[in-house]
Protein backbone atom coordinates (compact mmCIF):
# COMPACT_ATOMS: atom_id res chain seq x y z
CA UNK A 1 0.05 -0.07 0.16
CA UNK A 2 1.11 3.58 -0.66
CA UNK A 3 1.81 5.40 2.79
CA UNK A 4 -0.44 8.15 3.62
CA UNK A 5 0.40 11.99 3.79
CA UNK A 6 0.23 11.94 7.57
CA UNK A 7 2.57 8.65 7.81
CA UNK A 8 5.19 10.65 5.69
CA UNK A 9 5.01 13.63 7.84
CA UNK A 10 5.66 11.70 11.01
CA UNK A 11 8.63 9.94 9.34
CA UNK A 12 10.48 13.11 8.52
CA UNK A 13 9.70 14.76 11.87
CA UNK A 14 11.35 11.82 13.82
CA UNK A 15 14.37 11.99 11.61
CA UNK A 16 14.93 15.65 12.12
CA UNK A 17 14.60 15.24 15.96
CA UNK A 18 17.09 12.33 15.95
CA UNK A 19 19.52 14.46 13.95
CA UNK A 20 19.42 17.39 16.28
CA UNK A 21 19.47 15.16 19.46
CA UNK A 22 22.53 13.36 18.28
CA UNK A 23 24.37 16.63 17.44
CA UNK A 24 23.64 18.04 21.13
CA UNK A 25 24.87 14.67 22.64
CA UNK A 26 28.13 14.88 20.66
CA UNK A 27 28.68 18.36 21.71
CA UNK A 28 27.87 17.67 25.46
CA UNK A 29 30.16 14.56 25.66
CA UNK A 30 33.22 15.88 24.11
CA UNK A 31 36.20 17.07 26.25
CA UNK A 32 37.90 20.15 26.05
CA UNK A 33 41.04 18.65 24.59
CA UNK A 34 39.09 17.38 21.94
CA UNK A 35 37.14 20.50 21.00
CA UNK A 36 38.48 23.44 18.82
CA UNK A 37 41.05 25.84 20.55
CA UNK A 38 39.36 29.13 21.83
CA UNK A 39 41.06 32.18 20.38
CA UNK A 40 40.52 35.63 22.33
CA UNK A 41 39.21 38.42 20.02
CA UNK A 42 41.09 41.64 19.87
CA UNK A 43 39.34 45.15 20.34
CA UNK A 44 38.76 46.76 16.94
CA UNK A 45 40.13 50.50 16.55
CA UNK A 46 37.67 53.26 15.83
CA UNK A 47 37.40 54.27 12.15
CA UNK A 48 38.03 58.04 11.50
CA UNK A 49 35.99 59.42 8.83
CA UNK A 50 36.96 62.67 7.06
CA UNK A 51 34.34 64.90 5.60
CA UNK A 52 34.94 66.12 2.05
CA UNK A 53 35.03 69.85 1.77
CA UNK A 54 35.58 72.54 -0.95
CA UNK A 55 38.06 75.32 -0.08
CA UNK A 56 39.25 78.39 -1.63
CA UNK A 57 41.99 81.01 -0.97
CA UNK A 58 40.96 84.51 -0.41
CA UNK A 59 41.88 86.59 -3.23
CA UNK A 60 42.79 90.31 -4.17
CA UNK A 61 40.83 92.14 -6.70
CA UNK A 62 38.07 89.81 -6.98
CA UNK A 63 35.43 91.95 -5.35
CA UNK A 64 33.67 94.55 -7.31
CA UNK A 65 30.84 96.69 -6.07
CA UNK A 66 28.04 96.89 -8.69
CA UNK A 67 24.63 97.88 -9.06
CA UNK A 68 22.19 96.74 -11.51
CA UNK A 69 19.06 98.80 -12.09
CA UNK A 70 16.49 99.34 -14.75
CA UNK A 71 17.39 101.93 -17.58
CA UNK A 72 15.29 104.08 -19.86
CA UNK A 73 16.67 105.43 -23.03
CA UNK A 74 15.95 108.98 -24.23
CA UNK A 75 17.08 111.02 -27.21
CA UNK A 76 20.34 113.02 -26.46
CA UNK A 77 18.54 116.21 -27.38
CA UNK A 78 14.71 116.64 -27.95
CA UNK A 79 13.08 119.98 -28.81
CA UNK A 80 9.65 121.10 -29.35
CA UNK A 81 9.17 123.56 -31.99
CA UNK A 82 6.60 126.26 -31.72
CA UNK A 83 5.97 129.38 -33.75
CA UNK A 84 6.67 132.53 -32.01
CA UNK A 85 4.14 134.50 -34.30
CA UNK A 86 0.53 133.63 -35.11
CA UNK A 87 -0.45 132.87 -38.60
CA UNK A 88 -1.58 130.27 -41.12
CA UNK A 89 0.84 127.50 -41.76
CA UNK A 90 2.07 128.16 -45.26
CA UNK A 91 4.35 125.10 -45.86
CA UNK A 92 5.87 122.14 -44.17
CA UNK A 93 8.49 120.23 -45.98
CA UNK A 94 9.20 117.38 -43.54
CA UNK A 95 7.18 114.67 -41.94
CA UNK A 96 7.51 112.07 -39.33
CA UNK A 97 10.84 110.12 -39.60
CA UNK A 98 12.54 112.37 -41.74
CA UNK A 99 16.08 113.02 -41.08
CA UNK A 100 17.02 116.88 -41.00
CA UNK A 101 20.11 118.83 -40.96
CA UNK A 102 21.05 121.76 -38.43
CA UNK A 103 19.50 124.99 -40.04
CA UNK A 104 17.22 123.26 -42.67
CA UNK A 105 13.89 124.92 -43.12
CA UNK A 106 11.20 122.58 -41.69
CA UNK A 107 8.02 124.91 -41.74
CA UNK A 108 6.84 128.54 -42.66
CA UNK A 109 4.06 130.52 -41.21
CA UNK A 110 2.32 133.22 -43.34
CA UNK A 111 2.68 136.59 -41.63
CA UNK A 112 1.69 139.37 -44.21
CA UNK A 113 1.01 141.84 -41.55
CA UNK A 114 4.48 141.55 -40.08
CA UNK A 115 6.11 141.78 -43.41
CA UNK A 116 4.24 145.16 -44.16
CA UNK A 117 5.28 146.42 -40.89
CA UNK A 118 8.82 145.69 -41.78
CA UNK A 119 8.62 147.60 -44.84
CA UNK A 120 7.17 150.60 -43.04
CA UNK A 121 9.88 150.58 -40.49
CA UNK A 122 12.56 150.30 -43.34
CA UNK A 123 11.15 153.47 -44.88
CA UNK A 124 11.33 155.21 -41.37
CA UNK A 125 14.87 154.35 -41.13
CA UNK A 126 15.64 155.76 -44.42
CA UNK A 127 13.65 158.85 -43.64
CA UNK A 128 15.66 159.31 -40.23
CA UNK A 129 18.89 159.06 -42.24
CA UNK A 130 17.89 161.74 -44.65
CA UNK A 131 17.14 163.90 -41.70
CA UNK A 132 20.74 163.37 -40.35
CA UNK A 133 22.04 164.56 -43.69
CA UNK A 134 19.72 167.68 -43.31
CA UNK A 135 20.83 168.54 -39.76
CA UNK A 136 24.50 168.15 -40.80
CA UNK A 137 24.03 170.65 -43.67
CA UNK A 138 22.73 172.96 -40.95
CA UNK A 139 25.70 172.63 -39.02
CA UNK A 140 27.76 173.48 -42.05
CA UNK A 141 25.91 176.60 -42.72
CA UNK A 142 26.06 177.59 -39.25
CA UNK A 143 29.86 177.01 -39.19
CA UNK A 144 29.94 179.21 -42.27
CA UNK A 145 27.79 182.04 -40.46
CA UNK A 146 30.22 181.76 -37.64
CA UNK A 147 33.38 182.28 -39.85
CA UNK A 148 31.66 185.28 -41.40
CA UNK A 149 30.62 186.82 -38.07
CA UNK A 150 34.38 186.42 -37.03
CA UNK A 151 35.58 188.30 -40.16
CA UNK A 152 32.94 190.96 -39.28
CA UNK A 153 34.45 191.37 -35.87
CA UNK A 154 37.96 191.86 -37.43
CA UNK A 155 36.53 194.38 -40.02
CA UNK A 156 34.74 196.39 -37.18
CA UNK A 157 37.85 196.47 -35.15
CA UNK A 158 39.87 197.83 -37.98
CA UNK A 159 37.07 200.56 -38.57
CA UNK A 160 37.17 201.26 -35.00
CA UNK A 161 41.04 201.75 -35.20
CA UNK A 162 40.47 203.97 -38.07
CA UNK A 163 38.04 205.94 -36.43
CA UNK A 164 40.22 206.40 -33.22
CA UNK A 165 42.87 207.80 -35.61
CA UNK A 166 40.53 210.39 -37.06
CA UNK A 167 39.55 211.38 -33.71
CA UNK A 168 43.14 212.09 -32.81
CA UNK A 169 43.68 213.93 -36.10
CA UNK A 170 40.52 216.04 -35.44
CA UNK A 171 41.55 216.86 -32.21
CA UNK A 172 45.01 218.29 -33.18
CA UNK A 173 43.41 220.40 -36.01
CA UNK A 174 40.75 221.71 -33.44
CA UNK A 175 43.51 222.75 -31.16
CA UNK A 176 45.40 224.56 -33.69
CA UNK A 177 42.32 226.29 -34.89
CA UNK A 178 41.78 227.37 -31.17
CA UNK A 179 45.28 228.50 -30.77
CA UNK A 180 45.15 230.58 -34.08
CA UNK A 181 42.00 232.18 -32.98
CA UNK A 182 43.47 233.08 -29.59
CA UNK A 183 45.94 235.17 -31.48
CA UNK A 184 43.22 236.63 -33.61
CA UNK A 185 44.92 235.05 -36.72
CA UNK A 186 41.71 233.29 -37.99
CA UNK A 187 37.79 233.94 -37.64
CA UNK A 188 35.89 232.28 -34.78
CA UNK A 189 33.71 230.18 -37.39
CA UNK A 190 36.79 228.19 -38.58
CA UNK A 191 37.21 227.21 -34.95
CA UNK A 192 33.57 226.10 -34.71
CA UNK A 193 33.99 224.11 -38.09
CA UNK A 194 36.96 222.07 -36.92
CA UNK A 195 35.17 221.60 -33.69
CA UNK A 196 32.15 219.97 -35.62
CA UNK A 197 34.78 217.77 -37.57
CA UNK A 198 36.35 216.67 -34.15
CA UNK A 199 32.99 215.77 -32.62
CA UNK A 200 31.91 213.92 -35.85
CA UNK A 201 35.17 211.75 -35.78
CA UNK A 202 34.40 210.86 -31.96
CA UNK A 203 30.77 209.77 -32.99
CA UNK A 204 32.39 207.65 -35.75
CA UNK A 205 34.72 206.15 -33.41
CA UNK A 206 31.87 205.13 -30.93
CA UNK A 207 29.71 203.79 -33.82
CA UNK A 208 32.92 201.41 -34.71
CA UNK A 209 33.24 200.22 -31.38
CA UNK A 210 29.52 199.60 -31.17
CA UNK A 211 30.06 197.56 -34.45
CA UNK A 212 32.61 195.34 -32.88
CA UNK A 213 30.38 194.37 -30.09
CA UNK A 214 27.57 193.59 -32.69
CA UNK A 215 29.99 191.39 -34.64
CA UNK A 216 31.09 189.59 -31.39
CA UNK A 217 27.39 189.02 -30.60
CA UNK A 218 26.84 187.72 -34.11
CA UNK A 219 29.81 185.34 -33.60
CA UNK A 220 28.14 184.05 -30.46
CA UNK A 221 24.90 183.59 -32.10
CA UNK A 222 26.52 181.73 -34.85
CA UNK A 223 28.32 179.53 -32.38
CA UNK A 224 24.88 178.79 -30.63
CA UNK A 225 23.44 177.88 -34.06
CA UNK A 226 26.16 175.44 -34.66
CA UNK A 227 25.51 173.72 -31.22
CA UNK A 228 21.74 173.66 -32.06
CA UNK A 229 22.40 172.04 -35.43
CA UNK A 230 24.93 169.42 -33.90
CA UNK A 231 22.09 168.60 -31.24
CA UNK A 232 19.67 168.24 -34.36
CA UNK A 233 22.08 165.87 -35.95
CA UNK A 234 22.62 163.86 -32.68
CA UNK A 235 18.64 163.71 -32.31
CA UNK A 236 18.33 162.53 -35.97
CA UNK A 237 20.78 159.96 -35.26
CA UNK A 238 18.85 158.68 -32.22
CA UNK A 239 15.72 158.74 -34.40
CA UNK A 240 17.68 156.48 -36.83
CA UNK A 241 18.53 154.02 -33.99
CA UNK A 242 14.83 153.85 -32.78
CA UNK A 243 13.68 153.32 -36.30
CA UNK A 244 16.44 150.72 -36.86
CA UNK A 245 15.43 148.97 -33.61
CA UNK A 246 11.80 148.77 -34.56
CA UNK A 247 12.70 147.28 -37.96
CA UNK A 248 14.97 144.76 -36.42
CA UNK A 249 12.27 143.90 -33.95
CA UNK A 250 9.72 143.45 -36.72
CA UNK A 251 12.51 141.43 -38.60
CA UNK A 252 13.04 139.08 -35.78
CA UNK A 253 9.41 138.38 -35.62
CA UNK A 254 9.17 137.77 -39.20
CA UNK A 255 11.97 135.17 -38.69
CA UNK A 256 10.20 133.59 -36.15
CA UNK A 257 7.72 132.60 -38.86
CA UNK A 258 10.41 130.21 -40.30
CA UNK A 259 10.96 127.30 -38.22
CA UNK A 260 14.39 125.54 -38.65
CA UNK A 261 16.00 122.52 -37.31
CA UNK A 262 18.24 123.37 -34.27
CA UNK A 263 20.61 120.29 -34.90
CA UNK A 264 20.87 117.09 -36.97
CA UNK A 265 18.05 114.68 -35.87
CA UNK A 266 14.92 112.95 -36.82
CA UNK A 267 11.36 114.52 -36.65
CA UNK A 268 9.56 112.50 -34.22
CA UNK A 269 6.33 114.40 -34.09
CA UNK A 270 4.12 116.54 -36.49
CA UNK A 271 1.23 118.35 -35.07
CA UNK A 272 -0.29 120.42 -38.05
CA UNK A 273 -0.70 120.57 -41.75
CA UNK A 274 -0.33 123.57 -44.33
CA UNK A 275 -3.42 125.76 -44.10
CA UNK A 276 -3.81 125.24 -40.17
CA UNK A 277 -4.04 128.16 -38.05
CA UNK A 278 -0.98 128.38 -35.74
CA UNK A 279 -1.22 129.96 -32.61
CA UNK A 280 2.11 131.87 -31.07
CA UNK A 281 3.75 130.04 -28.36
CA UNK A 282 2.83 132.84 -25.72
CA UNK A 283 -0.68 132.95 -26.77
CA UNK A 284 -1.87 129.52 -25.34
CA UNK A 285 -0.33 127.14 -28.01
CA UNK A 286 -0.22 123.65 -26.45
CA UNK A 287 0.94 121.48 -29.05
CA UNK A 288 4.23 121.96 -30.90
CA UNK A 289 4.49 122.15 -34.87
CA UNK A 290 7.07 119.41 -34.86
CA UNK A 291 9.32 117.65 -32.36
CA UNK A 292 12.99 116.92 -33.51
CA UNK A 293 15.23 114.57 -31.56
CA UNK A 294 19.11 113.91 -31.82
CA UNK A 295 19.58 110.39 -32.35
CA UNK A 296 23.32 109.80 -33.15
CA UNK A 297 23.82 109.53 -29.43
CA UNK A 298 21.30 108.58 -26.65
CA UNK A 299 21.02 109.13 -22.94
CA UNK A 300 20.24 106.15 -20.65
CA UNK A 301 18.67 107.21 -17.53
CA UNK A 302 19.41 105.20 -14.49
CA UNK A 303 18.02 105.79 -10.75
CA UNK A 304 20.49 104.30 -8.31
CA UNK A 305 19.60 103.70 -4.69
CA UNK A 306 20.84 105.68 -1.66
CA UNK A 307 23.57 103.16 -0.65
CA UNK A 308 25.40 103.09 -3.94
CA UNK A 309 25.29 106.96 -4.29
CA UNK A 310 28.59 107.49 -2.49
CA UNK A 311 30.31 105.40 -4.95
CA UNK A 312 28.91 106.53 -8.18
CA UNK A 313 31.49 108.90 -10.17
CA UNK A 314 31.48 110.02 -13.92
CA UNK A 315 33.87 107.48 -15.88
CA UNK A 316 32.65 104.44 -13.80
CA UNK A 317 32.20 101.57 -16.37
CA UNK A 318 28.85 100.30 -17.32
CA UNK A 319 27.19 97.53 -19.28
CA UNK A 320 23.75 98.20 -20.98
CA UNK A 321 21.37 95.55 -21.82
CA UNK A 322 18.46 96.66 -24.14
CA UNK A 323 15.49 94.31 -23.95
CA UNK A 324 14.44 95.08 -27.64
CA UNK A 325 18.07 94.46 -28.90
CA UNK A 326 19.34 91.14 -27.71
CA UNK A 327 22.81 90.36 -27.65
CA UNK A 328 26.19 91.41 -26.14
CA UNK A 329 25.69 94.13 -23.43
CA UNK A 330 26.94 97.63 -24.68
CA UNK A 331 29.87 98.94 -23.18
CA UNK A 332 29.57 102.52 -21.66
CA UNK A 333 30.77 104.71 -18.76
CA UNK A 334 28.67 107.24 -16.42
CA UNK A 335 28.63 110.49 -18.39
CA UNK A 336 27.15 112.59 -15.49
CA UNK A 337 25.44 112.32 -12.11
CA UNK A 338 22.80 114.56 -10.43
CA UNK A 339 24.46 114.91 -7.14
CA UNK A 340 21.07 115.02 -5.62
CA UNK A 341 18.52 112.35 -4.72
CA UNK A 342 14.82 112.47 -5.16
CA UNK A 343 13.46 113.08 -1.74
CA UNK A 344 10.37 110.98 -2.33
CA UNK A 345 12.16 107.92 -3.71
CA UNK A 346 15.71 108.39 -2.30
CA UNK A 347 17.03 107.63 -5.88
CA UNK A 348 19.67 109.52 -7.59
CA UNK A 349 19.50 110.23 -11.43
CA UNK A 350 22.54 109.00 -13.36
CA UNK A 351 22.92 109.44 -17.07
CA UNK A 352 25.11 107.38 -19.43
CA UNK A 353 25.78 108.62 -23.06
CA UNK A 354 25.33 105.78 -25.46
CA UNK A 355 26.55 106.12 -29.29
CA UNK A 356 23.98 105.19 -31.78
CA UNK A 357 25.79 105.29 -35.11
CA UNK A 358 23.15 102.80 -36.74
CA UNK A 359 20.08 104.46 -35.40
CA UNK A 360 18.61 101.09 -34.07
CA UNK A 361 18.38 102.49 -30.50
CA UNK A 362 15.08 104.41 -30.10
CA UNK A 363 13.71 106.85 -27.56
CA UNK A 364 11.64 105.07 -24.93
CA UNK A 365 13.54 101.78 -25.10
CA UNK A 366 14.45 100.15 -21.73
CA UNK A 367 16.70 97.57 -20.34
CA UNK A 368 19.01 96.92 -17.61
CA UNK A 369 22.31 98.84 -16.70
CA UNK A 370 25.08 97.29 -14.54
CA UNK A 371 27.49 99.85 -13.38
CA UNK A 372 30.80 98.97 -11.57
CA UNK A 373 30.87 101.41 -8.80
CA UNK A 374 34.00 100.43 -7.00
CA UNK A 375 37.01 97.87 -7.24
CA UNK A 376 38.53 96.76 -4.28
CA UNK A 377 41.87 95.73 -5.91
CA UNK A 378 43.96 95.65 -2.60
CA UNK A 379 41.52 93.93 -0.38
CA UNK A 380 41.07 90.19 0.17
CA UNK A 381 37.67 88.81 -0.52
CA UNK A 382 35.79 85.45 -0.44
CA UNK A 383 32.35 84.17 -1.45
CA UNK A 384 29.63 85.15 0.92
CA UNK A 385 28.82 81.34 1.07
CA UNK A 386 31.97 80.95 3.29
CA UNK A 387 30.36 82.58 6.29
CA UNK A 388 28.89 80.52 9.20
CA UNK A 389 25.93 81.77 10.41
CA UNK A 390 24.70 85.41 10.34
CA UNK A 391 27.37 88.11 10.03
CA UNK A 392 26.47 91.23 12.39
CA UNK A 393 28.33 94.61 13.09
CA UNK A 394 30.91 93.83 10.56
CA UNK A 395 32.04 90.61 12.16
CA UNK A 396 31.64 86.89 11.12
CA UNK A 397 33.02 83.43 11.51
CA UNK A 398 34.34 80.92 8.73
CA UNK A 399 35.97 77.49 8.67
CA UNK A 400 39.55 77.08 7.71
CA UNK A 401 41.53 73.87 7.15
CA UNK A 402 44.42 73.53 9.43
CA UNK A 403 46.27 70.16 9.92
CA UNK A 404 43.38 68.38 8.32
CA UNK A 405 40.93 69.66 10.72
CA UNK A 406 38.34 72.37 10.38
CA UNK A 407 38.92 75.28 12.64
CA UNK A 408 36.68 78.19 13.41
CA UNK A 409 38.16 81.53 12.52
CA UNK A 410 36.51 84.94 13.34
CA UNK A 411 36.97 87.79 10.63
CA UNK A 412 36.22 91.30 10.28
CA UNK A 413 34.10 92.03 7.12
CA UNK A 414 33.65 94.90 4.70
CA UNK A 415 31.32 95.45 1.82
CA UNK A 416 29.28 92.38 0.63
CA UNK A 417 27.68 92.67 -2.88
CA UNK A 418 25.55 89.33 -2.26
CA UNK A 419 28.11 87.09 -4.08
CA UNK A 420 31.44 88.20 -2.28
CA UNK A 421 32.39 89.68 0.89
CA UNK A 422 35.60 91.67 1.59
CA UNK A 423 37.70 90.50 4.46
CA UNK A 424 39.48 93.22 6.47
CA UNK A 425 41.15 91.02 8.95
CA UNK A 426 41.07 87.50 10.13
CA UNK A 427 42.61 85.65 7.00
CA UNK A 428 45.48 85.36 5.02
CA UNK A 429 45.87 84.84 1.11
CA UNK A 430 47.25 81.33 1.83
CA UNK A 431 44.37 80.24 4.14
CA UNK A 432 42.16 77.51 2.87
CA UNK A 433 38.51 78.68 3.60
CA UNK A 434 35.62 76.02 3.61
CA UNK A 435 32.80 77.05 1.13
CA UNK A 436 29.45 76.24 2.34
CA UNK A 437 30.16 74.65 5.41
CA UNK A 438 26.82 73.32 6.22
CA UNK A 439 25.73 72.04 9.68
CA UNK A 440 27.86 68.76 9.59
CA UNK A 441 31.17 70.72 10.58
CA UNK A 442 32.12 71.54 14.04
CA UNK A 443 35.50 72.77 15.56
CA UNK A 444 38.15 70.04 15.09
CA UNK A 445 36.24 68.05 12.60
CA UNK A 446 38.51 66.07 10.21
CA UNK A 447 38.10 67.16 6.74
CA UNK A 448 39.20 66.06 3.25
CA UNK A 449 39.68 69.53 1.28
CA UNK A 450 39.54 69.94 -2.25
CA UNK A 451 40.76 73.39 -3.49
CA UNK A 452 38.52 75.35 -5.94
CA UNK A 453 40.37 77.35 -8.20
CA UNK A 454 38.09 80.39 -8.92
CA UNK A 455 38.15 82.07 -11.98
CA UNK A 456 40.15 85.44 -12.30
CA UNK A 457 38.19 88.64 -11.74
CA UNK A 458 36.95 90.38 -14.92
CA UNK A 459 39.19 93.36 -16.04
CA UNK A 460 38.48 96.19 -18.30
């Protein structure tokens, strides 16, 4: 018969018990001499595990203070052109996008009233100049009268001298006649005749003296006429100047009717068309005729924060990235700074001149500007990730590798740009500083350093 399943199970169980029991009896009955020798175990030495770390050497010249801020691009020069005089727009020879040259006529306003006024003032100038000639002729005439009066004085003086001589002669004759009459040599009537001759000569002399005074008075009158004529000349000359000034004023107003380009540039805005009425700039005109912008060079406007203001100087290098023109950043420099912060935003305006020879850069574009404010060429610096914990009050801690172990070193810190920090004291250039120490390190922890060779700093 074939044995059942339960019989087979009992058979194998019995065999297993017999085997285990035999083995146990053999072990219990064996003597020490017959058993295997017992060898005492040695105590195992503790295994030292070194933590792998990355280290760097503090370097000089690797630290730059930079600021990256949004930048807005404006035209280097932008002018709104208004008319100074009212009138109808007569002609306009340019449109939006046209390139113009300095002094080029862009638009003309029709001002017929001013043109007629200019003609009238020009005639007034000619009239005033003719009056000058007339007054100068009077001066010449007055000078001639003066010369004649002076000659009359000389003639009167000569006549007076002649009259004085006749007086003396007649006095002698009269005396002789009286002496002869005293001796009864002549009749008395002869004495009376010579007395009359004498008295007549005296009167003639007095008339000659009066003529001298009259001639001198005439000289003075002629001199006064000369002064008056010269004053009339000066007045006429002043009238010419007044008339000339009025003419020039009107001519300037007429010139304001012609709009010219103040510099080489591009027309960016057109406000009117020929035939439109143009208001004067001082009479409520709000919209310009044209706007012209200089585009060969642009201004990049950057507002830097208060913390960077002390380090910004004209000439500091900058890199301009324009969103609309991807590619390599454009190298530039700070051209001017405002030296004044906005009291509302605490930002200071910085301007960067950017050449635009191709004209692709347009007003209103924007991007980012990175300015190198300061280079610490003589100071050590290290990555900010080397710091252990939080640095406060210009003091911090780092781990350095010495004799294969991590040791905590206290350092005095300078400026931190977020990537690197200046080390003022506490480290040397040959020290190995652990980068990103983490929480696994402690004072004296064995480490296996790997020196990380940083890339050299960028130079201009």
